[in-house]
Amino acid sequence: YNFWASVLKLRKTYVDIFVYGNYEAVDRD
């Protein structure tokens, strides 16, 4: 429960990266 609070807070703290940044797979296979 408290980890969910932490990860959602991180998403907002780094909103440019985690909300508006692009996505690239790493070690896809």
PDB file of all heavy atoms in Angstrom:
ATOM      1  N   TYR A   1       0.835  -1.208   0.000  1.00  0.00           N
ATOM      2  CA  TYR A   1       0.000   0.000   0.000  1.00  0.00           C
ATOM      3  C   TYR A   1       0.870   1.258   0.000  1.00  0.00           C
ATOM      4  O   TYR A   1       0.673   2.171  -0.821  1.00  0.00           O
ATOM      5  CB  TYR A   1      -0.931  -0.006   1.216  1.00  0.00           C
ATOM      6  CG  TYR A   1      -1.653   1.298   1.464  1.00  0.00           C
ATOM      7  CD1 TYR A   1      -2.865   1.578   0.845  1.00  0.00           C
ATOM      8  CD2 TYR A   1      -1.111   2.256   2.332  1.00  0.00           C
ATOM      9  CE1 TYR A   1      -3.526   2.783   1.078  1.00  0.00           C
ATOM     10  CE2 TYR A   1      -1.762   3.461   2.563  1.00  0.00           C
ATOM     11  CZ  TYR A   1      -2.971   3.721   1.935  1.00  0.00           C
ATOM     12  OH  TYR A   1      -3.615   4.912   2.158  1.00  0.00           O
ATOM     13  N   ASN A   2       1.831   1.302   0.908  1.00  0.00           N
ATOM     14  CA  ASN A   2       2.684   2.489   0.994  1.00  0.00           C
ATOM     15  C   ASN A   2       3.658   2.581  -0.171  1.00  0.00           C
ATOM     16  O   ASN A   2       4.086   3.681  -0.550  1.00  0.00           O
ATOM     17  CB  ASN A   2       3.415   2.512   2.340  1.00  0.00           C
ATOM     18  CG  ASN A   2       2.510   3.003   3.461  1.00  0.00           C
ATOM     19  OD1 ASN A   2       1.939   4.087   3.368  1.00  0.00           O
ATOM     20  ND2 ASN A   2       2.340   2.189   4.495  1.00  0.00           N
ATOM     21  N   PHE A   3       3.990   1.445  -0.780  1.00  0.00           N
ATOM     22  CA  PHE A   3       4.825   1.501  -1.976  1.00  0.00           C
ATOM     23  C   PHE A   3       4.059   2.119  -3.143  1.00  0.00           C
ATOM     24  O   PHE A   3       4.624   2.900  -3.916  1.00  0.00           O
ATOM     25  CB  PHE A   3       5.333   0.107  -2.362  1.00  0.00           C
ATOM     26  CG  PHE A   3       6.288   0.151  -3.525  1.00  0.00           C
ATOM     27  CD1 PHE A   3       7.620   0.432  -3.317  1.00  0.00           C
ATOM     28  CD2 PHE A   3       5.840  -0.035  -4.827  1.00  0.00           C
ATOM     29  CE1 PHE A   3       8.517   0.513  -4.379  1.00  0.00           C
ATOM     30  CE2 PHE A   3       6.710   0.044  -5.903  1.00  0.00           C
ATOM     31  CZ  PHE A   3       8.051   0.321  -5.674  1.00  0.00           C
ATOM     32  N   TRP A   4       2.780   1.757  -3.286  1.00  0.00           N
ATOM     33  CA  TRP A   4       1.965   2.408  -4.328  1.00  0.00           C
ATOM     34  C   TRP A   4       1.980   3.925  -4.142  1.00  0.00           C
ATOM     35  O   TRP A   4       2.088   4.683  -5.110  1.00  0.00           O
ATOM     36  CB  TRP A   4       0.526   1.877  -4.294  1.00  0.00           C
ATOM     37  CG  TRP A   4       0.284   0.729  -5.217  1.00  0.00           C
ATOM     38  CD1 TRP A   4       0.152  -0.584  -4.888  1.00  0.00           C
ATOM     39  CD2 TRP A   4       0.137   0.803  -6.643  1.00  0.00           C
ATOM     40  NE1 TRP A   4      -0.064  -1.339  -6.019  1.00  0.00           N
ATOM     41  CE2 TRP A   4      -0.078  -0.518  -7.103  1.00  0.00           C
ATOM     42  CE3 TRP A   4       0.183   1.834  -7.573  1.00  0.00           C
ATOM     43  CZ2 TRP A   4      -0.258  -0.814  -8.458  1.00  0.00           C
ATOM     44  CZ3 TRP A   4       0.005   1.538  -8.920  1.00  0.00           C
ATOM     45  CH2 TRP A   4      -0.209   0.230  -9.355  1.00  0.00           C
ATOM     46  N   ALA A   5       1.868   4.377  -2.896  1.00  0.00           N
ATOM     47  CA  ALA A   5       1.913   5.816  -2.631  1.00  0.00           C
ATOM     48  C   ALA A   5       3.258   6.396  -3.099  1.00  0.00           C
ATOM     49  O   ALA A   5       3.310   7.487  -3.684  1.00  0.00           O
ATOM     50  CB  ALA A   5       1.703   6.083  -1.145  1.00  0.00           C
ATOM     51  N   SER A   6       4.328   5.645  -2.886  1.00  0.00           N
ATOM     52  CA  SER A   6       5.654   6.124  -3.276  1.00  0.00           C
ATOM     53  C   SER A   6       5.811   6.200  -4.784  1.00  0.00           C
ATOM     54  O   SER A   6       6.357   7.175  -5.317  1.00  0.00           O
ATOM     55  CB  SER A   6       6.735   5.197  -2.700  1.00  0.00           C
ATOM     56  OG  SER A   6       6.735   5.231  -1.288  1.00  0.00           O
ATOM     57  N   VAL A   7       5.348   5.177  -5.496  1.00  0.00           N
ATOM     58  CA  VAL A   7       5.538   5.167  -6.945  1.00  0.00           C
ATOM     59  C   VAL A   7       4.656   6.218  -7.621  1.00  0.00           C
ATOM     60  O   VAL A   7       5.063   6.861  -8.595  1.00  0.00           O
ATOM     61  CB  VAL A   7       5.321   3.746  -7.528  1.00  0.00           C
ATOM     62  CG1 VAL A   7       3.863   3.366  -7.586  1.00  0.00           C
ATOM     63  CG2 VAL A   7       5.966   3.630  -8.900  1.00  0.00           C
ATOM     64  N   LEU A   8       3.448   6.438  -7.085  1.00  0.00           N
ATOM     65  CA  LEU A   8       2.584   7.485  -7.654  1.00  0.00           C
ATOM     66  C   LEU A   8       3.147   8.878  -7.365  1.00  0.00           C
ATOM     67  O   LEU A   8       3.027   9.792  -8.198  1.00  0.00           O
ATOM     68  CB  LEU A   8       1.160   7.344  -7.108  1.00  0.00           C
ATOM     69  CG  LEU A   8       0.405   6.091  -7.567  1.00  0.00           C
ATOM     70  CD1 LEU A   8      -0.976   6.038  -6.915  1.00  0.00           C
ATOM     71  CD2 LEU A   8       0.271   6.025  -9.086  1.00  0.00           C
ATOM     72  N   LYS A   9       3.767   9.022  -6.205  1.00  0.00           N
ATOM     73  CA  LYS A   9       4.409  10.305  -5.883  1.00  0.00           C
ATOM     74  C   LYS A   9       5.596  10.549  -6.802  1.00  0.00           C
ATOM     75  O   LYS A   9       5.810  11.671  -7.295  1.00  0.00           O
ATOM     76  CB  LYS A   9       4.865  10.300  -4.422  1.00  0.00           C
ATOM     77  CG  LYS A   9       5.534  11.603  -3.992  1.00  0.00           C
ATOM     78  CD  LYS A   9       5.958  11.544  -2.519  1.00  0.00           C
ATOM     79  CE  LYS A   9       6.642  12.847  -2.112  1.00  0.00           C
ATOM     80  NZ  LYS A   9       7.079  12.799  -0.682  1.00  0.00           N
ATOM     81  N   LEU A  10       6.386   9.507  -7.076  1.00  0.00           N
ATOM     82  CA  LEU A  10       7.529   9.637  -7.970  1.00  0.00           C
ATOM     83  C   LEU A  10       7.080  10.052  -9.363  1.00  0.00           C
ATOM     84  O   LEU A  10       7.715  10.886 -10.024  1.00  0.00           O
ATOM     85  CB  LEU A  10       8.292   8.313  -8.041  1.00  0.00           C
ATOM     86  CG  LEU A  10       9.557   8.315  -8.896  1.00  0.00           C
ATOM     87  CD1 LEU A  10      10.647   9.157  -8.238  1.00  0.00           C
ATOM     88  CD2 LEU A  10      10.050   6.892  -9.141  1.00  0.00           C
ATOM     89  N   ARG A  11       5.986   9.472  -9.822  1.00  0.00           N
ATOM     90  CA  ARG A  11       5.444   9.807 -11.143  1.00  0.00           C
ATOM     91  C   ARG A  11       5.140  11.293 -11.249  1.00  0.00           C
ATOM     92  O   ARG A  11       5.380  11.924 -12.285  1.00  0.00           O
ATOM     93  CB  ARG A  11       4.178   8.968 -11.385  1.00  0.00           C
ATOM     94  CG  ARG A  11       3.516   9.174 -12.738  1.00  0.00           C
ATOM     95  CD  ARG A  11       2.340   8.213 -12.884  1.00  0.00           C
ATOM     96  NE  ARG A  11       1.690   8.401 -14.181  1.00  0.00           N
ATOM     97  CZ  ARG A  11       0.682   9.219 -14.392  1.00  0.00           C
ATOM     98  NH1 ARG A  11       0.179   9.939 -13.376  1.00  0.00           N
ATOM     99  NH2 ARG A  11       0.137   9.333 -15.590  1.00  0.00           N
ATOM    100  N   LYS A  12       4.641  11.875 -10.187  1.00  0.00           N
ATOM    101  CA  LYS A  12       4.311  13.309 -10.208  1.00  0.00           C
ATOM    102  C   LYS A  12       5.549  14.191  -9.974  1.00  0.00           C
ATOM    103  O   LYS A  12       5.632  15.298 -10.508  1.00  0.00           O
ATOM    104  CB  LYS A  12       3.248  13.617  -9.164  1.00  0.00           C
ATOM    105  CG  LYS A  12       1.866  13.099  -9.558  1.00  0.00           C
ATOM    106  CD  LYS A  12       0.795  13.577  -8.615  1.00  0.00           C
ATOM    107  CE  LYS A  12      -0.579  13.184  -9.140  1.00  0.00           C
ATOM    108  NZ  LYS A  12      -1.671  13.615  -8.256  1.00  0.00           N
ATOM    109  N   THR A  13       6.470  13.691  -9.186  1.00  0.00           N
ATOM    110  CA  THR A  13       7.689  14.459  -8.936  1.00  0.00           C
ATOM    111  C   THR A  13       8.476  14.647 -10.222  1.00  0.00           C
ATOM    112  O   THR A  13       9.027  15.725 -10.494  1.00  0.00           O
ATOM    113  CB  THR A  13       8.559  13.748  -7.884  1.00  0.00           C
ATOM    114  OG1 THR A  13       7.809  13.596  -6.677  1.00  0.00           O
ATOM    115  CG2 THR A  13       9.830  14.540  -7.602  1.00  0.00           C
ATOM    116  N   TYR A  14       8.521  13.587 -11.035  1.00  0.00           N
ATOM    117  CA  TYR A  14       9.227  13.638 -12.315  1.00  0.00           C
ATOM    118  C   TYR A  14       8.207  13.564 -13.454  1.00  0.00           C
ATOM    119  O   TYR A  14       8.274  12.692 -14.313  1.00  0.00           O
ATOM    120  CB  TYR A  14      10.231  12.487 -12.405  1.00  0.00           C
ATOM    121  CG  TYR A  14      11.382  12.615 -11.436  1.00  0.00           C
ATOM    122  CD1 TYR A  14      11.280  12.116 -10.140  1.00  0.00           C
ATOM    123  CD2 TYR A  14      12.565  13.240 -11.811  1.00  0.00           C
ATOM    124  CE1 TYR A  14      12.338  12.235  -9.240  1.00  0.00           C
ATOM    125  CE2 TYR A  14      13.627  13.362 -10.922  1.00  0.00           C
ATOM    126  CZ  TYR A  14      13.498  12.855  -9.633  1.00  0.00           C
ATOM    127  OH  TYR A  14      14.547  12.985  -8.752  1.00  0.00           O
ATOM    128  N   VAL A  15       7.278  14.489 -13.427  1.00  0.00           N
ATOM    129  CA  VAL A  15       6.144  14.435 -14.353  1.00  0.00           C
ATOM    130  C   VAL A  15       6.589  14.517 -15.813  1.00  0.00           C
ATOM    131  O   VAL A  15       6.015  13.852 -16.680  1.00  0.00           O
ATOM    132  CB  VAL A  15       5.109  15.535 -14.013  1.00  0.00           C
ATOM    133  CG1 VAL A  15       5.680  16.919 -14.253  1.00  0.00           C
ATOM    134  CG2 VAL A  15       3.824  15.342 -14.783  1.00  0.00           C
ATOM    135  N   ASP A  16       7.595  15.313 -16.117  1.00  0.00           N
ATOM    136  CA  ASP A  16       8.055  15.427 -17.503  1.00  0.00           C
ATOM    137  C   ASP A  16       8.543  14.076 -18.028  1.00  0.00           C
ATOM    138  O   ASP A  16       8.224  13.687 -19.156  1.00  0.00           O
ATOM    139  CB  ASP A  16       9.165  16.474 -17.627  1.00  0.00           C
ATOM    140  CG  ASP A  16       8.650  17.897 -17.566  1.00  0.00           C
ATOM    141  OD1 ASP A  16       7.416  18.083 -17.701  1.00  0.00           O
ATOM    142  OD2 ASP A  16       9.457  18.816 -17.386  1.00  0.00           O
ATOM    143  N   ILE A  17       9.310  13.372 -17.195  1.00  0.00           N
ATOM    144  CA  ILE A  17       9.866  12.085 -17.642  1.00  0.00           C
ATOM    145  C   ILE A  17       8.783  11.011 -17.698  1.00  0.00           C
ATOM    146  O   ILE A  17       8.581  10.358 -18.742  1.00  0.00           O
ATOM    147  CB  ILE A  17      11.000  11.624 -16.698  1.00  0.00           C
ATOM    148  CG1 ILE A  17      12.160  12.614 -16.718  1.00  0.00           C
ATOM    149  CG2 ILE A  17      11.475  10.221 -17.095  1.00  0.00           C
ATOM    150  CD1 ILE A  17      13.274  12.262 -15.736  1.00  0.00           C
ATOM    151  N   PHE A  18       8.073  10.813 -16.574  1.00  0.00           N
ATOM    152  CA  PHE A  18       7.207   9.635 -16.464  1.00  0.00           C
ATOM    153  C   PHE A  18       5.800   9.836 -17.027  1.00  0.00           C
ATOM    154  O   PHE A  18       5.092   8.859 -17.270  1.00  0.00           O
ATOM    155  CB  PHE A  18       7.142   9.167 -15.010  1.00  0.00           C
ATOM    156  CG  PHE A  18       8.448   8.636 -14.501  1.00  0.00           C
ATOM    157  CD1 PHE A  18       9.077   9.216 -13.410  1.00  0.00           C
ATOM    158  CD2 PHE A  18       9.068   7.578 -15.132  1.00  0.00           C
ATOM    159  CE1 PHE A  18      10.289   8.740 -12.945  1.00  0.00           C
ATOM    160  CE2 PHE A  18      10.288   7.094 -14.683  1.00  0.00           C
ATOM    161  CZ  PHE A  18      10.908   7.677 -13.584  1.00  0.00           C
ATOM    162  N   VAL A  19       5.387  11.064 -17.230  1.00  0.00           N
ATOM    163  CA  VAL A  19       4.092  11.301 -17.869  1.00  0.00           C
ATOM    164  C   VAL A  19       4.277  11.658 -19.336  1.00  0.00           C
ATOM    165  O   VAL A  19       3.616  11.107 -20.216  1.00  0.00           O
ATOM    166  CB  VAL A  19       3.296  12.401 -17.134  1.00  0.00           C
ATOM    167  CG1 VAL A  19       1.983  12.695 -17.858  1.00  0.00           C
ATOM    168  CG2 VAL A  19       3.011  11.974 -15.686  1.00  0.00           C
ATOM    169  N   TYR A  20       5.223  12.546 -19.625  1.00  0.00           N
ATOM    170  CA  TYR A  20       5.328  13.080 -20.985  1.00  0.00           C
ATOM    171  C   TYR A  20       6.554  12.595 -21.770  1.00  0.00           C
ATOM    172  O   TYR A  20       6.725  12.949 -22.939  1.00  0.00           O
ATOM    173  CB  TYR A  20       5.308  14.605 -20.926  1.00  0.00           C
ATOM    174  CG  TYR A  20       4.002  15.149 -20.376  1.00  0.00           C
ATOM    175  CD1 TYR A  20       3.950  15.758 -19.124  1.00  0.00           C
ATOM    176  CD2 TYR A  20       2.821  15.010 -21.103  1.00  0.00           C
ATOM    177  CE1 TYR A  20       2.743  16.241 -18.616  1.00  0.00           C
ATOM    178  CE2 TYR A  20       1.615  15.488 -20.596  1.00  0.00           C
ATOM    179  CZ  TYR A  20       1.580  16.098 -19.356  1.00  0.00           C
ATOM    180  OH  TYR A  20       0.390  16.562 -18.869  1.00  0.00           O
ATOM    181  N   GLY A  21       7.407  11.800 -21.144  1.00  0.00           N
ATOM    182  CA  GLY A  21       8.585  11.310 -21.847  1.00  0.00           C
ATOM    183  C   GLY A  21       8.264  10.167 -22.802  1.00  0.00           C
ATOM    184  O   GLY A  21       7.222   9.523 -22.705  1.00  0.00           O
ATOM    185  N   ASN A  22       9.187   9.908 -23.731  1.00  0.00           N
ATOM    186  CA  ASN A  22       8.976   8.793 -24.651  1.00  0.00           C
ATOM    187  C   ASN A  22       9.351   7.477 -23.972  1.00  0.00           C
ATOM    188  O   ASN A  22       9.894   7.451 -22.864  1.00  0.00           O
ATOM    189  CB  ASN A  22       9.739   8.991 -25.957  1.00  0.00           C
ATOM    190  CG  ASN A  22      11.223   8.720 -25.822  1.00  0.00           C
ATOM    191  OD1 ASN A  22      11.766   8.676 -24.715  1.00  0.00           O
ATOM    192  ND2 ASN A  22      11.903   8.549 -26.951  1.00  0.00           N
ATOM    193  N   TYR A  23       9.089   6.381 -24.646  1.00  0.00           N
ATOM    194  CA  TYR A  23       9.291   5.033 -24.103  1.00  0.00           C
ATOM    195  C   TYR A  23      10.181   4.258 -25.061  1.00  0.00           C
ATOM    196  O   TYR A  23       9.955   4.258 -26.270  1.00  0.00           O
ATOM    197  CB  TYR A  23       7.934   4.336 -23.977  1.00  0.00           C
ATOM    198  CG  TYR A  23       7.964   2.890 -23.526  1.00  0.00           C
ATOM    199  CD1 TYR A  23       7.624   2.545 -22.222  1.00  0.00           C
ATOM    200  CD2 TYR A  23       8.273   1.850 -24.405  1.00  0.00           C
ATOM    201  CE1 TYR A  23       7.597   1.227 -21.801  1.00  0.00           C
ATOM    202  CE2 TYR A  23       8.262   0.524 -23.999  1.00  0.00           C
ATOM    203  CZ  TYR A  23       7.924   0.218 -22.695  1.00  0.00           C
ATOM    204  OH  TYR A  23       7.901  -1.104 -22.289  1.00  0.00           O
ATOM    205  N   GLU A  24      11.177   3.590 -24.508  1.00  0.00           N
ATOM    206  CA  GLU A  24      12.017   2.736 -25.348  1.00  0.00           C
ATOM    207  C   GLU A  24      12.316   1.447 -24.596  1.00  0.00           C
ATOM    208  O   GLU A  24      12.782   1.475 -23.450  1.00  0.00           O
ATOM    209  CB  GLU A  24      13.318   3.448 -25.714  1.00  0.00           C
ATOM    210  CG  GLU A  24      14.179   2.661 -26.688  1.00  0.00           C
ATOM    211  CD  GLU A  24      15.401   3.430 -27.149  1.00  0.00           C
ATOM    212  OE1 GLU A  24      15.529   4.621 -26.775  1.00  0.00           O
ATOM    213  OE2 GLU A  24      16.229   2.839 -27.860  1.00  0.00           O
ATOM    214  N   ALA A  25      12.019   0.312 -25.220  1.00  0.00           N
ATOM    215  CA  ALA A  25      12.278  -0.986 -24.594  1.00  0.00           C
ATOM    216  C   ALA A  25      13.777  -1.228 -24.484  1.00  0.00           C
ATOM    217  O   ALA A  25      14.560  -0.836 -25.349  1.00  0.00           O
ATOM    218  CB  ALA A  25      11.630  -2.098 -25.409  1.00  0.00           C
ATOM    219  N   VAL A  26      14.159  -1.905 -23.409  1.00  0.00           N
ATOM    220  CA  VAL A  26      15.549  -2.292 -23.176  1.00  0.00           C
ATOM    221  C   VAL A  26      15.581  -3.809 -22.976  1.00  0.00           C
ATOM    222  O   VAL A  26      14.737  -4.353 -22.262  1.00  0.00           O
ATOM    223  CB  VAL A  26      16.122  -1.574 -21.935  1.00  0.00           C
ATOM    224  CG1 VAL A  26      17.547  -2.048 -21.647  1.00  0.00           C
ATOM    225  CG2 VAL A  26      16.083  -0.063 -22.125  1.00  0.00           C
ATOM    226  N   ASP A  27      16.552  -4.484 -23.590  1.00  0.00           N
ATOM    227  CA  ASP A  27      16.673  -5.949 -23.483  1.00  0.00           C
ATOM    228  C   ASP A  27      15.345  -6.615 -23.830  1.00  0.00           C
ATOM    229  O   ASP A  27      14.826  -7.457 -23.086  1.00  0.00           O
ATOM    230  CB  ASP A  27      17.137  -6.345 -22.075  1.00  0.00           C
ATOM    231  CG  ASP A  27      17.876  -7.678 -22.083  1.00  0.00           C
ATOM    232  OD1 ASP A  27      17.850  -8.366 -23.116  1.00  0.00           O
ATOM    233  OD2 ASP A  27      18.438  -8.054 -21.039  1.00  0.00           O
ATOM    234  N   ARG A  28      14.848  -6.248 -24.979  1.00  0.00           N
ATOM    235  CA  ARG A  28      13.503  -6.621 -25.431  1.00  0.00           C
ATOM    236  C   ARG A  28      13.249  -8.131 -25.415  1.00  0.00           C
ATOM    237  O   ARG A  28      12.153  -8.598 -25.115  1.00  0.00           O
ATOM    238  CB  ARG A  28      13.284  -6.071 -26.842  1.00  0.00           C
ATOM    239  CG  ARG A  28      11.947  -6.385 -27.461  1.00  0.00           C
ATOM    240  CD  ARG A  28      11.841  -5.841 -28.873  1.00  0.00           C
ATOM    241  NE  ARG A  28      11.764  -4.388 -28.909  1.00  0.00           N
ATOM    242  CZ  ARG A  28      12.755  -3.592 -29.271  1.00  0.00           C
ATOM    243  NH1 ARG A  28      13.933  -4.109 -29.632  1.00  0.00           N
ATOM    244  NH2 ARG A  28      12.596  -2.286 -29.297  1.00  0.00           N
ATOM    245  N   ASP A  29      14.267  -8.935 -25.728  1.00  0.00           N
ATOM    246  CA  ASP A  29      14.056 -10.370 -25.903  1.00  0.00           C
ATOM    247  C   ASP A  29      14.222 -11.184 -24.625  1.00  0.00           C
ATOM    248  O   ASP A  29      14.040 -12.407 -24.640  1.00  0.00           O
ATOM    249  CB  ASP A  29      15.026 -10.910 -26.965  1.00  0.00           C
ATOM    250  CG  ASP A  29      14.787 -10.288 -28.333  1.00  0.00           C
ATOM    251  OD1 ASP A  29      13.617  -9.974 -28.631  1.00  0.00           O
ATOM    252  OD2 ASP A  29      15.766 -10.091 -29.079  1.00  0.00           O
TER     253      ASP A  29
END
